[in-house]
PDB file of N, CA and C in Angstrom:
ATOM      1  N   UNK A   1     -11.232  -0.926 -15.257  1.00  0.00           N
ATOM      2  CA  UNK A   1     -10.097  -1.007 -14.415  1.00  0.00           C
ATOM      3  C   UNK A   1      -8.835  -1.751 -15.170  1.00  0.00           C
ATOM      4  N   UNK A   2      -7.755  -1.100 -15.415  1.00  0.00           N
ATOM      5  CA  UNK A   2      -6.628  -1.871 -15.989  1.00  0.00           C
ATOM      6  C   UNK A   2      -5.880  -2.751 -15.172  1.00  0.00           C
ATOM      7  N   UNK A   3      -4.902  -3.570 -15.878  1.00  0.00           N
ATOM      8  CA  UNK A   3      -4.235  -4.578 -15.183  1.00  0.00           C
ATOM      9  C   UNK A   3      -3.075  -3.721 -14.175  1.00  0.00           C
ATOM     10  N   UNK A   4      -3.017  -2.538 -14.241  1.00  0.00           N
ATOM     11  CA  UNK A   4      -2.302  -1.681 -13.450  1.00  0.00           C
ATOM     12  C   UNK A   4      -2.980  -1.285 -12.355  1.00  0.00           C
ATOM     13  N   UNK A   5      -4.245  -1.540 -12.175  1.00  0.00           N
ATOM     14  CA  UNK A   5      -5.030  -1.175 -10.933  1.00  0.00           C
ATOM     15  C   UNK A   5      -5.854  -2.215 -10.618  1.00  0.00           C
ATOM     16  N   UNK A   6      -5.989  -2.306  -9.164  1.00  0.00           N
ATOM     17  CA  UNK A   6      -6.956  -3.277  -8.547  1.00  0.00           C
ATOM     18  C   UNK A   6      -7.620  -2.734  -7.487  1.00  0.00           C
ATOM     19  N   UNK A   7      -8.795  -3.397  -7.176  1.00  0.00           N
ATOM     20  CA  UNK A   7      -9.493  -3.041  -5.877  1.00  0.00           C
ATOM     21  C   UNK A   7      -9.599  -4.084  -5.007  1.00  0.00           C
ATOM     22  N   UNK A   8      -9.201  -3.966  -3.671  1.00  0.00           N
ATOM     23  CA  UNK A   8      -9.143  -5.047  -2.767  1.00  0.00           C
ATOM     24  C   UNK A   8     -10.100  -4.664  -1.634  1.00  0.00           C
ATOM     25  N   UNK A   9     -11.053  -5.671  -1.463  1.00  0.00           N
ATOM     26  CA  UNK A   9     -12.018  -5.564  -0.382  1.00  0.00           C
ATOM     27  C   UNK A   9     -11.428  -5.974   0.990  1.00  0.00           C
ATOM     28  N   UNK A  10     -11.439  -5.132   1.759  1.00  0.00           N
ATOM     29  CA  UNK A  10     -10.783  -5.461   3.038  1.00  0.00           C
ATOM     30  C   UNK A  10     -11.631  -6.652   3.768  1.00  0.00           C
ATOM     31  N   UNK A  11     -10.862  -7.623   4.482  1.00  0.00           N
ATOM     32  CA  UNK A  11     -11.411  -8.662   5.077  1.00  0.00           C
ATOM     33  C   UNK A  11     -12.221  -8.250   6.369  1.00  0.00           C
ATOM     34  N   UNK A  12     -11.598  -7.085   7.027  1.00  0.00           N
ATOM     35  CA  UNK A  12     -12.359  -6.387   8.045  1.00  0.00           C
ATOM     36  C   UNK A  12     -12.311  -4.981   7.820  1.00  0.00           C
ATOM     37  N   UNK A  13     -13.509  -4.199   7.766  1.00  0.00           N
ATOM     38  CA  UNK A  13     -13.395  -2.798   7.482  1.00  0.00           C
ATOM     39  C   UNK A  13     -12.559  -1.971   8.630  1.00  0.00           C
ATOM     40  N   UNK A  14     -11.964  -1.005   8.181  1.00  0.00           N
ATOM     41  CA  UNK A  14     -11.105  -0.125   9.064  1.00  0.00           C
ATOM     42  C   UNK A  14     -11.598   1.102   9.279  1.00  0.00           C
ATOM     43  N   UNK A  15     -11.882   1.619  10.511  1.00  0.00           N
ATOM     44  CA  UNK A  15     -12.378   2.886  10.789  1.00  0.00           C
ATOM     45  C   UNK A  15     -11.328   3.619  11.562  1.00  0.00           C
ATOM     46  N   UNK A  16     -11.187   4.986  11.130  1.00  0.00           N
ATOM     47  CA  UNK A  16     -10.266   5.965  11.849  1.00  0.00           C
ATOM     48  C   UNK A  16     -11.190   7.201  12.152  1.00  0.00           C
ATOM     49  N   UNK A  17     -10.884   7.900  13.390  1.00  0.00           N
ATOM     50  CA  UNK A  17     -11.619   8.893  13.798  1.00  0.00           C
ATOM     51  C   UNK A  17     -12.680   8.407  14.662  1.00  0.00           C
ATOM     52  N   UNK A  18     -13.473   9.377  15.278  1.00  0.00           N
ATOM     53  CA  UNK A  18     -14.450   9.084  16.131  1.00  0.00           C
ATOM     54  C   UNK A  18     -15.726   9.899  15.877  1.00  0.00           C
ATOM     55  N   UNK A  19     -16.908   9.348  16.217  1.00  0.00           N
ATOM     56  CA  UNK A  19     -18.211  10.126  16.046  1.00  0.00           C
ATOM     57  C   UNK A  19     -18.632  10.197  14.642  1.00  0.00           C
ATOM     58  N   UNK A  20     -18.931  11.518  14.360  1.00  0.00           N
ATOM     59  CA  UNK A  20     -19.485  11.945  13.171  1.00  0.00           C
ATOM     60  C   UNK A  20     -18.253  12.130  12.091  1.00  0.00           C
ATOM     61  N   UNK A  21     -17.101  12.305  12.838  1.00  0.00           N
ATOM     62  CA  UNK A  21     -15.809  12.536  11.863  1.00  0.00           C
ATOM     63  C   UNK A  21     -15.135  11.193  11.661  1.00  0.00           C
ATOM     64  N   UNK A  22     -15.725   9.943  11.883  1.00  0.00           N
ATOM     65  CA  UNK A  22     -15.158   8.635  11.658  1.00  0.00           C
ATOM     66  C   UNK A  22     -15.361   8.374  10.084  1.00  0.00           C
ATOM     67  N   UNK A  23     -14.247   7.935   9.743  1.00  0.00           N
ATOM     68  CA  UNK A  23     -14.124   7.366   8.281  1.00  0.00           C
ATOM     69  C   UNK A  23     -13.951   5.825   8.221  1.00  0.00           C
ATOM     70  N   UNK A  24     -14.673   5.052   7.477  1.00  0.00           N
ATOM     71  CA  UNK A  24     -14.657   3.693   7.386  1.00  0.00           C
ATOM     72  C   UNK A  24     -14.156   3.259   6.016  1.00  0.00           C
ATOM     73  N   UNK A  25     -13.045   2.342   5.791  1.00  0.00           N
ATOM     74  CA  UNK A  25     -12.605   1.913   4.659  1.00  0.00           C
ATOM     75  C   UNK A  25     -12.885   0.489   4.474  1.00  0.00           C
ATOM     76  N   UNK A  26     -13.739   0.187   3.600  1.00  0.00           N
ATOM     77  CA  UNK A  26     -14.171  -1.104   3.141  1.00  0.00           C
ATOM     78  C   UNK A  26     -13.416  -1.931   2.095  1.00  0.00           C
ATOM     79  N   UNK A  27     -12.840  -1.000   1.271  1.00  0.00           N
ATOM     80  CA  UNK A  27     -11.946  -1.440   0.083  1.00  0.00           C
ATOM     81  C   UNK A  27     -10.967  -0.323  -0.235  1.00  0.00           C
ATOM     82  N   UNK A  28      -9.990  -0.804  -0.809  1.00  0.00           N
ATOM     83  CA  UNK A  28      -9.053   0.211  -1.201  1.00  0.00           C
ATOM     84  C   UNK A  28      -8.728   0.064  -2.789  1.00  0.00           C
ATOM     85  N   UNK A  29      -8.257   1.175  -3.592  1.00  0.00           N
ATOM     86  CA  UNK A  29      -7.867   0.819  -4.992  1.00  0.00           C
ATOM     87  C   UNK A  29      -6.582   1.255  -5.094  1.00  0.00           C
ATOM     88  N   UNK A  30      -5.707   0.229  -5.574  1.00  0.00           N
ATOM     89  CA  UNK A  30      -4.312   0.403  -5.820  1.00  0.00           C
ATOM     90  C   UNK A  30      -3.861   0.561  -7.336  1.00  0.00           C
ATOM     91  N   UNK A  31      -2.883   1.200  -7.564  1.00  0.00           N
ATOM     92  CA  UNK A  31      -2.518   1.400  -8.922  1.00  0.00           C
ATOM     93  C   UNK A  31      -0.935   1.162  -8.915  1.00  0.00           C
ATOM     94  N   UNK A  32      -0.333   1.338 -10.200  1.00  0.00           N
ATOM     95  CA  UNK A  32       1.140   1.256 -10.157  1.00  0.00           C
ATOM     96  C   UNK A  32       1.668   2.571  -9.334  1.00  0.00           C
ATOM     97  N   UNK A  33       2.652   2.451  -8.500  1.00  0.00           N
ATOM     98  CA  UNK A  33       3.178   3.321  -7.733  1.00  0.00           C
ATOM     99  C   UNK A  33       3.989   4.307  -8.519  1.00  0.00           C
ATOM    100  N   UNK A  34       4.209   5.550  -8.182  1.00  0.00           N
ATOM    101  CA  UNK A  34       4.979   6.403  -9.016  1.00  0.00           C
ATOM    102  C   UNK A  34       6.501   6.408  -8.422  1.00  0.00           C
ATOM    103  N   UNK A  35       7.474   6.839  -9.105  1.00  0.00           N
ATOM    104  CA  UNK A  35       8.944   6.736  -8.542  1.00  0.00           C
ATOM    105  C   UNK A  35       8.964   7.581  -7.299  1.00  0.00           C
ATOM    106  N   UNK A  36       8.152   8.664  -7.143  1.00  0.00           N
ATOM    107  CA  UNK A  36       8.250   9.515  -5.818  1.00  0.00           C
ATOM    108  C   UNK A  36       7.843   8.715  -4.853  1.00  0.00           C
ATOM    109  N   UNK A  37       6.568   7.967  -4.948  1.00  0.00           N
ATOM    110  CA  UNK A  37       5.831   7.275  -3.967  1.00  0.00           C
ATOM    111  C   UNK A  37       6.793   6.103  -3.438  1.00  0.00           C
ATOM    112  N   UNK A  38       7.569   5.464  -4.519  1.00  0.00           N
ATOM    113  CA  UNK A  38       8.395   4.431  -4.021  1.00  0.00           C
ATOM    114  C   UNK A  38       9.574   5.017  -3.174  1.00  0.00           C
ATOM    115  N   UNK A  39      10.277   6.107  -3.622  1.00  0.00           N
ATOM    116  CA  UNK A  39      11.271   6.803  -2.758  1.00  0.00           C
ATOM    117  C   UNK A  39      10.650   7.222  -1.499  1.00  0.00           C
ATOM    118  N   UNK A  40       9.613   7.727  -1.342  1.00  0.00           N
ATOM    119  CA  UNK A  40       9.056   8.059   0.022  1.00  0.00           C
ATOM    120  C   UNK A  40       9.010   6.853   0.897  1.00  0.00           C
ATOM    121  N   UNK A  41       8.603   5.818   0.372  1.00  0.00           N
ATOM    122  CA  UNK A  41       8.261   4.566   1.035  1.00  0.00           C
ATOM    123  C   UNK A  41       9.631   3.909   1.630  1.00  0.00           C
ATOM    124  N   UNK A  42      10.513   4.139   0.665  1.00  0.00           N
ATOM    125  CA  UNK A  42      11.967   3.507   0.919  1.00  0.00           C
ATOM    126  C   UNK A  42      12.616   4.087   2.177  1.00  0.00           C
ATOM    127  N   UNK A  43      12.084   5.300   2.498  1.00  0.00           N
ATOM    128  CA  UNK A  43      12.702   5.938   3.765  1.00  0.00           C
ATOM    129  C   UNK A  43      12.360   5.367   4.965  1.00  0.00           C
ATOM    130  N   UNK A  44      11.511   4.297   5.130  1.00  0.00           N
ATOM    131  CA  UNK A  44      10.808   3.743   6.304  1.00  0.00           C
ATOM    132  C   UNK A  44      11.997   2.956   6.833  1.00  0.00           C
ATOM    133  N   UNK A  45      11.902   2.761   8.158  1.00  0.00           N
ATOM    134  CA  UNK A  45      13.110   1.826   8.847  1.00  0.00           C
ATOM    135  C   UNK A  45      12.881   0.392   8.713  1.00  0.00           C
ATOM    136  N   UNK A  46      11.733  -0.114   8.330  1.00  0.00           N
ATOM    137  CA  UNK A  46      11.548  -1.512   8.300  1.00  0.00           C
ATOM    138  C   UNK A  46      10.807  -1.769   6.867  1.00  0.00           C
ATOM    139  N   UNK A  47      10.713  -3.101   6.581  1.00  0.00           N
ATOM    140  CA  UNK A  47      10.091  -3.437   5.264  1.00  0.00           C
ATOM    141  C   UNK A  47       8.468  -3.215   5.441  1.00  0.00           C
ATOM    142  N   UNK A  48       8.117  -3.644   6.629  1.00  0.00           N
ATOM    143  CA  UNK A  48       6.563  -3.465   6.895  1.00  0.00           C
ATOM    144  C   UNK A  48       6.376  -1.887   6.806  1.00  0.00           C
ATOM    145  N   UNK A  49       7.224  -1.177   7.380  1.00  0.00           N
ATOM    146  CA  UNK A  49       6.824   0.294   7.498  1.00  0.00           C
ATOM    147  C   UNK A  49       6.739   0.765   5.909  1.00  0.00           C
ATOM    148  N   UNK A  50       7.691   0.273   5.245  1.00  0.00           N
ATOM    149  CA  UNK A  50       7.767   0.639   3.756  1.00  0.00           C
ATOM    150  C   UNK A  50       6.421   0.406   3.058  1.00  0.00           C
ATOM    151  N   UNK A  51       6.081  -0.957   3.405  1.00  0.00           N
ATOM    152  CA  UNK A  51       4.745  -1.282   2.760  1.00  0.00           C
ATOM    153  C   UNK A  51       3.638  -0.509   3.148  1.00  0.00           C
ATOM    154  N   UNK A  52       3.553  -0.240   4.450  1.00  0.00           N
ATOM    155  CA  UNK A  52       2.461   0.466   4.854  1.00  0.00           C
ATOM    156  C   UNK A  52       2.497   1.874   4.367  1.00  0.00           C
ATOM    157  N   UNK A  53       3.594   2.678   4.254  1.00  0.00           N
ATOM    158  CA  UNK A  53       3.748   3.871   3.736  1.00  0.00           C
ATOM    159  C   UNK A  53       3.286   3.807   2.144  1.00  0.00           C
ATOM    160  N   UNK A  54       3.806   2.967   1.504  1.00  0.00           N
ATOM    161  CA  UNK A  54       3.327   2.830   0.018  1.00  0.00           C
ATOM    162  C   UNK A  54       2.048   2.510  -0.340  1.00  0.00           C
ATOM    163  N   UNK A  55       1.374   1.818   0.702  1.00  0.00           N
ATOM    164  CA  UNK A  55      -0.119   1.554   0.357  1.00  0.00           C
ATOM    165  C   UNK A  55      -0.763   2.629   0.617  1.00  0.00           C
ATOM    166  N   UNK A  56      -0.417   3.454   1.843  1.00  0.00           N
ATOM    167  CA  UNK A  56      -1.118   4.545   2.138  1.00  0.00           C
ATOM    168  C   UNK A  56      -0.906   5.597   0.986  1.00  0.00           C
ATOM    169  N   UNK A  57       0.211   5.875   0.457  1.00  0.00           N
ATOM    170  CA  UNK A  57       0.407   6.962  -0.765  1.00  0.00           C
ATOM    171  C   UNK A  57      -0.410   6.466  -1.924  1.00  0.00           C
ATOM    172  N   UNK A  58      -0.320   5.273  -2.318  1.00  0.00           N
ATOM    173  CA  UNK A  58      -0.880   4.719  -3.651  1.00  0.00           C
ATOM    174  C   UNK A  58      -2.540   4.818  -3.380  1.00  0.00           C
ATOM    175  N   UNK A  59      -2.919   4.360  -2.245  1.00  0.00           N
ATOM    176  CA  UNK A  59      -4.556   4.252  -2.106  1.00  0.00           C
ATOM    177  C   UNK A  59      -4.972   5.471  -1.729  1.00  0.00           C
ATOM    178  N   UNK A  60      -4.138   6.494  -1.478  1.00  0.00           N
ATOM    179  CA  UNK A  60      -4.817   7.873  -1.095  1.00  0.00           C
ATOM    180  C   UNK A  60      -5.437   7.753   0.212  1.00  0.00           C
ATOM    181  N   UNK A  61      -4.950   7.036   1.177  1.00  0.00           N
ATOM    182  CA  UNK A  61      -5.822   6.891   2.559  1.00  0.00           C
ATOM    183  C   UNK A  61      -4.700   7.219   3.453  1.00  0.00           C
ATOM    184  N   UNK A  62      -5.182   7.589   4.792  1.00  0.00           N
ATOM    185  CA  UNK A  62      -4.184   8.009   5.833  1.00  0.00           C
ATOM    186  C   UNK A  62      -3.309   6.622   6.229  1.00  0.00           C
ATOM    187  N   UNK A  63      -2.064   6.908   6.632  1.00  0.00           N
ATOM    188  CA  UNK A  63      -1.252   5.830   6.907  1.00  0.00           C
ATOM    189  C   UNK A  63      -1.759   5.023   8.258  1.00  0.00           C
ATOM    190  N   UNK A  64      -2.481   5.783   9.149  1.00  0.00           N
ATOM    191  CA  UNK A  64      -3.049   5.201  10.306  1.00  0.00           C
ATOM    192  C   UNK A  64      -4.140   4.324   9.977  1.00  0.00           C
ATOM    193  N   UNK A  65      -4.785   4.453   8.865  1.00  0.00           N
ATOM    194  CA  UNK A  65      -5.733   3.371   8.520  1.00  0.00           C
ATOM    195  C   UNK A  65      -5.111   2.217   8.081  1.00  0.00           C
ATOM    196  N   UNK A  66      -3.951   2.273   7.161  1.00  0.00           N
ATOM    197  CA  UNK A  66      -3.317   1.082   6.825  1.00  0.00           C
ATOM    198  C   UNK A  66      -2.688   0.342   7.932  1.00  0.00           C
ATOM    199  N   UNK A  67      -2.240   1.086   8.785  1.00  0.00           N
ATOM    200  CA  UNK A  67      -1.746   0.349  10.085  1.00  0.00           C
ATOM    201  C   UNK A  67      -2.751  -0.493  10.837  1.00  0.00           C
ATOM    202  N   UNK A  68      -4.052  -0.201  10.616  1.00  0.00           N
ATOM    203  CA  UNK A  68      -5.044  -1.018  11.087  1.00  0.00           C
ATOM    204  C   UNK A  68      -5.408  -2.317  10.250  1.00  0.00           C
ATOM    205  N   UNK A  69      -4.862  -2.400   9.166  1.00  0.00           N
ATOM    206  CA  UNK A  69      -5.181  -3.606   8.173  1.00  0.00           C
ATOM    207  C   UNK A  69      -4.896  -4.865   8.875  1.00  0.00           C
ATOM    208  N   UNK A  70      -5.481  -5.884   8.609  1.00  0.00           N
ATOM    209  CA  UNK A  70      -5.115  -7.210   9.047  1.00  0.00           C
ATOM    210  C   UNK A  70      -4.104  -7.713   8.032  1.00  0.00           C
ATOM    211  N   UNK A  71      -3.296  -8.592   8.676  1.00  0.00           N
ATOM    212  CA  UNK A  71      -2.018  -9.112   8.013  1.00  0.00           C
ATOM    213  C   UNK A  71      -2.445  -9.635   6.610  1.00  0.00           C
ATOM    214  N   UNK A  72      -3.631 -10.404   6.529  1.00  0.00           N
ATOM    215  CA  UNK A  72      -4.158 -10.591   5.307  1.00  0.00           C
ATOM    216  C   UNK A  72      -4.338  -9.732   4.266  1.00  0.00           C
ATOM    217  N   UNK A  73      -4.782  -8.571   4.624  1.00  0.00           N
ATOM    218  CA  UNK A  73      -5.085  -7.463   3.749  1.00  0.00           C
ATOM    219  C   UNK A  73      -3.764  -6.684   3.321  1.00  0.00           C
ATOM    220  N   UNK A  74      -2.904  -6.580   4.422  1.00  0.00           N
ATOM    221  CA  UNK A  74      -1.534  -6.033   4.150  1.00  0.00           C
ATOM    222  C   UNK A  74      -0.720  -6.839   3.220  1.00  0.00           C
ATOM    223  N   UNK A  75      -0.832  -8.219   3.203  1.00  0.00           N
ATOM    224  CA  UNK A  75      -0.145  -8.986   2.261  1.00  0.00           C
ATOM    225  C   UNK A  75      -0.752  -8.893   1.084  1.00  0.00           C
ATOM    226  N   UNK A  76      -2.015  -8.913   0.942  1.00  0.00           N
ATOM    227  CA  UNK A  76      -2.746  -8.801  -0.622  1.00  0.00           C
ATOM    228  C   UNK A  76      -2.360  -7.634  -1.191  1.00  0.00           C
ATOM    229  N   UNK A  77      -2.338  -6.400  -0.557  1.00  0.00           N
ATOM    230  CA  UNK A  77      -2.023  -5.208  -1.149  1.00  0.00           C
ATOM    231  C   UNK A  77      -0.553  -5.136  -1.360  1.00  0.00           C
ATOM    232  N   UNK A  78       0.319  -5.599  -0.544  1.00  0.00           N
ATOM    233  CA  UNK A  78       1.750  -5.517  -0.795  1.00  0.00           C
ATOM    234  C   UNK A  78       2.134  -6.500  -2.048  1.00  0.00           C
ATOM    235  N   UNK A  79       1.507  -7.552  -2.182  1.00  0.00           N
ATOM    236  CA  UNK A  79       1.715  -8.408  -3.145  1.00  0.00           C
ATOM    237  C   UNK A  79       1.301  -7.831  -4.634  1.00  0.00           C
ATOM    238  N   UNK A  80       0.355  -7.134  -4.618  1.00  0.00           N
ATOM    239  CA  UNK A  80       0.049  -6.378  -5.890  1.00  0.00           C
ATOM    240  C   UNK A  80       1.005  -5.283  -6.180  1.00  0.00           C
ATOM    241  N   UNK A  81       1.466  -4.515  -5.229  1.00  0.00           N
ATOM    242  CA  UNK A  81       2.413  -3.415  -5.428  1.00  0.00           C
ATOM    243  C   UNK A  81       3.912  -4.000  -5.827  1.00  0.00           C
ATOM    244  N   UNK A  82       4.169  -5.153  -5.106  1.00  0.00           N
ATOM    245  CA  UNK A  82       5.555  -5.772  -5.470  1.00  0.00           C
ATOM    246  C   UNK A  82       5.644  -6.123  -6.743  1.00  0.00           C
ATOM    247  N   UNK A  83       4.622  -6.568  -7.614  1.00  0.00           N
ATOM    248  CA  UNK A  83       4.508  -6.812  -8.802  1.00  0.00           C
ATOM    249  C   UNK A  83       5.155  -5.850  -9.837  1.00  0.00           C
ATOM    250  N   UNK A  84       5.319  -4.527  -9.273  1.00  0.00           N
ATOM    251  CA  UNK A  84       5.771  -3.518 -10.282  1.00  0.00           C
ATOM    252  C   UNK A  84       7.230  -3.245  -9.722  1.00  0.00           C
ATOM    253  N   UNK A  85       7.804  -3.899  -8.562  1.00  0.00           N
ATOM    254  CA  UNK A  85       9.034  -3.320  -8.203  1.00  0.00           C
ATOM    255  C   UNK A  85      10.223  -4.442  -8.673  1.00  0.00           C
ATOM    256  N   UNK A  86       9.725  -5.607  -8.652  1.00  0.00           N
ATOM    257  CA  UNK A  86      10.596  -6.851  -8.932  1.00  0.00           C
ATOM    258  C   UNK A  86      11.966  -6.588  -8.043  1.00  0.00           C
ATOM    259  N   UNK A  87      11.727  -6.542  -6.661  1.00  0.00           N
ATOM    260  CA  UNK A  87      12.825  -6.458  -5.714  1.00  0.00           C
ATOM    261  C   UNK A  87      13.811  -7.499  -5.976  1.00  0.00           C
ATOM    262  N   UNK A  88      15.178  -7.220  -6.138  1.00  0.00           N
ATOM    263  CA  UNK A  88      16.160  -8.103  -6.127  1.00  0.00           C
ATOM    264  C   UNK A  88      16.445  -8.763  -7.506  1.00  0.00           C
ATOM    265  N   UNK A  89      15.791  -8.214  -8.569  1.00  0.00           N
ATOM    266  CA  UNK A  89      15.994  -8.691  -9.931  1.00  0.00           C
ATOM    267  C   UNK A  89      17.514  -8.255 -10.354  1.00  0.00           C
ATOM    268  N   UNK A  90      18.083  -9.191 -11.251  1.00  0.00           N
ATOM    269  CA  UNK A  90      19.444  -8.812 -11.726  1.00  0.00           C
ATOM    270  C   UNK A  90      19.527  -7.683 -12.576  1.00  0.00           C
ATOM    271  N   UNK A  91      18.339  -7.488 -13.297  1.00  0.00           N
ATOM    272  CA  UNK A  91      18.300  -6.299 -14.080  1.00  0.00           C
ATOM    273  C   UNK A  91      18.259  -5.005 -13.315  1.00  0.00           C
ATOM    274  N   UNK A  92      17.373  -4.948 -12.445  1.00  0.00           N
ATOM    275  CA  UNK A  92      17.468  -3.696 -11.489  1.00  0.00           C
ATOM    276  C   UNK A  92      18.604  -3.610 -10.792  1.00  0.00           C
ATOM    277  N   UNK A  93      19.288  -4.601 -10.147  1.00  0.00           N
ATOM    278  CA  UNK A  93      20.660  -4.341  -9.541  1.00  0.00           C
ATOM    279  C   UNK A  93      21.680  -3.865 -10.314  1.00  0.00           C
ATOM    280  N   UNK A  94      21.661  -3.975 -11.565  1.00  0.00           N
ATOM    281  CA  UNK A  94      22.627  -3.481 -12.458  1.00  0.00           C
ATOM    282  C   UNK A  94      22.528  -1.962 -12.722  1.00  0.00           C
ATOM    283  N   UNK A  95      21.316  -1.418 -12.198  1.00  0.00           N
ATOM    284  CA  UNK A  95      21.002   0.016 -12.593  1.00  0.00           C
ATOM    285  C   UNK A  95      21.382   0.832 -11.175  1.00  0.00           C
ATOM    286  N   UNK A  96      21.745   1.966 -11.461  1.00  0.00           N
ATOM    287  CA  UNK A  96      21.980   2.809 -10.370  1.00  0.00           C
ATOM    288  C   UNK A  96      21.772   4.314 -10.501  1.00  0.00           C
TER     289      UNK A  96
END
């Protein structure tokens, strides 16, 4: 695993679906997001919505699973992904 990728073990496993069709996520693997993934996530109405969408896209899991993450897990995943965006940096602000 490179420094551009990390695996986060969820503090509480997340299950979606019912019965035999249920899928449980105990950990997610994140990597550097692509420009397209960042663009799709930026369409969300809120910063939390944007984070949920980006985590879903990068981890390749359903958005409904990310919506069930604990705050702790959401913050951990978002913190890793924010390391690639440098939101608000003066260098990025000068580019358009």
